[in-house]
Amino acid sequence: MAVAPALVVAVILLISWYTSTAYALVNTTLILPRPGDVFASLVDGLNSGLFLGSALVTIQESVLGFLLALVIALPLGYGLAKSRWIAAAVQPYLAAGQAMPAIVIAPLLIFWLGAGLLSVTIVCMLVVLFPMVITTVLGVQTIDKSLLDAARVEGAELQY
């Protein structure tokens, strides 16, 4: 029954939307289109393949951004956890980069790199990079000593 309140709110919003556009309380050409027009546009987009093509491009950009972040964040996080020198050198830049939203950097990337796959991939990478670095550092720093001992018993050569 946890879904019932959300459904009630959705129904109220849909009724309000329909009422406000049907009785011309809202300008339907500039501010809020009619629900029927939105549904017709949705059907046209699905039938024409426009949404599928756009979804595939979005998935490609997202996956490439994630993989790029993975390649950068895991070694960087490990280095931050294991080396005080790397931590002292990199942490101020990580803190500054994390404080700046990726959406602020996006126009600069588009200006420098052009509107395309590369700039969007880098924005996706920036969104994922900081949480991934922080999680990697935390994971490396909090490995249980008994797990390290068990790995050593199994023949792992551990470096500190």
Protein backbone atom coordinates (compact mmCIF):
# COMPACT_ATOMS: atom_id res chain seq x y z
CA MET A 1 0.00 0.00 0.00
CA ALA A 2 3.03 2.32 -0.10
CA VAL A 3 2.21 2.97 -3.76
CA ALA A 4 -1.28 4.39 -3.07
CA PRO A 5 -0.19 7.91 -1.97
CA ALA A 6 2.01 8.28 -5.05
CA LEU A 7 -0.84 7.17 -7.31
CA VAL A 8 -3.24 9.63 -5.67
CA VAL A 9 -0.79 12.48 -6.25
CA ALA A 10 -0.26 11.38 -9.88
CA VAL A 11 -4.02 11.30 -10.52
CA ILE A 12 -4.47 14.75 -8.94
CA LEU A 13 -1.65 16.15 -11.07
CA LEU A 14 -3.08 14.64 -14.27
CA ILE A 15 -6.58 15.95 -13.52
CA SER A 16 -5.15 19.40 -12.74
CA TRP A 17 -3.13 19.34 -15.97
CA TYR A 18 -6.15 18.34 -18.05
CA THR A 19 -8.43 20.87 -16.36
CA SER A 20 -6.02 23.77 -16.65
CA THR A 21 -5.46 23.17 -20.36
CA ALA A 22 -9.06 22.24 -21.27
CA TYR A 23 -10.53 25.41 -19.76
CA ALA A 24 -7.72 27.65 -21.09
CA LEU A 25 -6.42 28.53 -17.65
CA VAL A 26 -2.93 28.04 -19.05
CA ASN A 27 -1.60 29.02 -22.46
CA THR A 28 -1.27 25.65 -24.27
CA THR A 29 1.01 26.91 -27.03
CA LEU A 30 3.69 28.53 -24.86
CA ILE A 31 3.54 27.15 -21.35
CA LEU A 32 1.84 23.76 -21.02
CA PRO A 33 0.60 21.56 -23.88
CA ARG A 34 -2.55 19.48 -23.60
CA PRO A 35 -2.16 15.90 -22.31
CA GLY A 36 -3.52 14.55 -25.62
CA ASP A 37 -0.89 16.50 -27.58
CA VAL A 38 1.87 15.14 -25.35
CA PHE A 39 0.57 11.59 -25.78
CA ALA A 40 0.35 12.02 -29.58
CA SER A 41 3.92 13.32 -29.66
CA LEU A 42 5.05 10.35 -27.57
CA VAL A 43 3.39 7.90 -29.97
CA ASP A 44 4.92 9.67 -32.99
CA GLY A 45 8.38 9.59 -31.42
CA LEU A 46 8.09 5.90 -30.62
CA ASN A 47 6.75 4.99 -34.07
CA SER A 48 9.36 7.01 -35.96
CA GLY A 49 12.29 5.50 -34.05
CA LEU A 50 13.42 8.91 -32.84
CA PHE A 51 13.34 7.90 -29.17
CA LEU A 52 15.15 4.62 -29.76
CA GLY A 53 17.97 6.33 -31.67
CA SER A 54 18.29 9.01 -29.00
CA ALA A 55 18.23 6.42 -26.23
CA LEU A 56 21.05 4.46 -27.88
CA VAL A 57 23.20 7.60 -28.14
CA THR A 58 22.49 8.44 -24.49
CA ILE A 59 23.38 4.91 -23.39
CA GLN A 60 26.62 5.06 -25.38
CA GLU A 61 27.61 8.40 -23.84
CA SER A 62 26.76 7.19 -20.34
CA VAL A 63 28.65 3.90 -20.63
CA LEU A 64 31.72 5.58 -22.12
CA GLY A 65 31.67 8.21 -19.34
CA PHE A 66 31.39 5.51 -16.71
CA LEU A 67 34.25 3.49 -18.21
CA LEU A 68 36.45 6.58 -18.46
CA ALA A 69 35.71 7.40 -14.81
CA LEU A 70 36.48 3.81 -13.87
CA VAL A 71 39.87 3.93 -15.57
CA ILE A 72 40.75 7.18 -13.79
CA ALA A 73 39.03 6.78 -10.41
CA LEU A 74 40.18 3.32 -9.34
CA PRO A 75 43.94 3.92 -9.68
CA LEU A 76 43.57 7.45 -8.32
CA GLY A 77 41.55 6.28 -5.32
CA TYR A 78 44.05 3.52 -4.61
CA GLY A 79 46.92 5.99 -4.87
CA LEU A 80 45.18 8.44 -2.54
CA ALA A 81 44.60 5.70 0.02
CA LYS A 82 48.14 4.34 -0.09
CA SER A 83 50.34 7.42 -0.63
CA ARG A 84 50.38 10.53 1.52
CA TRP A 85 52.30 12.36 -1.21
CA ILE A 86 49.61 11.64 -3.84
CA ALA A 87 46.90 12.55 -1.35
CA ALA A 88 48.57 15.87 -0.51
CA ALA A 89 49.08 16.68 -4.18
CA VAL A 90 45.67 15.66 -5.55
CA GLN A 91 43.09 16.16 -2.77
CA PRO A 92 42.85 19.97 -3.09
CA TYR A 93 42.02 19.61 -6.77
CA LEU A 94 39.52 16.85 -6.08
CA ALA A 95 37.80 19.00 -3.46
CA ALA A 96 37.64 21.97 -5.84
CA GLY A 97 36.40 19.80 -8.68
CA GLN A 98 33.74 18.19 -6.52
CA ALA A 99 32.52 21.58 -5.32
CA MET A 100 31.90 22.68 -8.90
CA PRO A 101 28.82 21.08 -10.50
CA ALA A 102 29.47 19.30 -13.80
CA ILE A 103 26.69 21.31 -15.43
CA VAL A 104 28.80 24.45 -14.91
CA ILE A 105 31.73 22.88 -16.75
CA ALA A 106 29.57 21.55 -19.60
CA PRO A 107 29.35 24.82 -21.59
CA LEU A 108 33.13 25.20 -21.44
CA LEU A 109 33.65 21.64 -22.63
CA ILE A 110 31.22 22.17 -25.50
CA PHE A 111 33.02 25.40 -26.43
CA TRP A 112 36.46 23.73 -26.33
CA LEU A 113 35.61 20.29 -27.71
CA GLY A 114 32.44 20.95 -29.68
CA ALA A 115 28.98 19.52 -29.15
CA GLY A 116 29.36 15.81 -29.55
CA LEU A 117 30.25 12.47 -28.07
CA LEU A 118 33.52 13.56 -26.44
CA SER A 119 32.17 16.54 -24.49
CA VAL A 120 29.09 14.65 -23.24
CA THR A 121 31.24 11.64 -22.29
CA ILE A 122 33.53 13.89 -20.23
CA VAL A 123 30.55 15.47 -18.45
CA CYS A 124 29.24 11.97 -17.63
CA MET A 125 32.71 11.03 -16.39
CA LEU A 126 32.85 14.09 -14.12
CA VAL A 127 29.49 13.24 -12.57
CA VAL A 128 30.68 9.73 -11.64
CA LEU A 129 34.37 10.39 -10.95
CA PHE A 130 34.25 11.98 -7.50
CA PRO A 131 31.94 9.50 -5.79
CA MET A 132 33.94 6.67 -7.33
CA VAL A 133 37.27 8.07 -6.06
CA ILE A 134 35.88 8.64 -2.56
CA THR A 135 34.38 5.15 -2.44
CA THR A 136 37.62 3.58 -3.64
CA VAL A 137 39.66 5.42 -0.99
CA LEU A 138 37.19 4.39 1.71
CA GLY A 139 37.16 0.79 0.51
CA VAL A 140 40.95 0.48 0.44
CA GLN A 141 41.37 2.13 3.84
CA THR A 142 38.77 -0.04 5.57
CA ILE A 143 39.78 -3.51 4.38
CA ASP A 144 39.52 -5.87 7.34
CA LYS A 145 42.93 -7.12 8.55
CA SER A 146 41.60 -10.68 8.82
CA LEU A 147 40.76 -10.62 5.10
CA LEU A 148 44.30 -9.50 4.31
CA ASP A 149 45.69 -12.28 6.49
CA ALA A 150 43.44 -14.82 4.76
CA ALA A 151 44.62 -13.60 1.35
CA ARG A 152 48.23 -13.88 2.48
CA VAL A 153 47.61 -17.48 3.61
CA GLU A 154 46.26 -18.25 0.14
CA GLY A 155 49.50 -16.96 -1.42
CA ALA A 156 48.69 -13.33 -2.20
CA GLU A 157 51.58 -10.92 -2.09
CA LEU A 158 50.22 -7.81 -0.43
CA GLN A 159 51.89 -4.43 -0.65
CA TYR A 160 51.37 -1.75 1.94
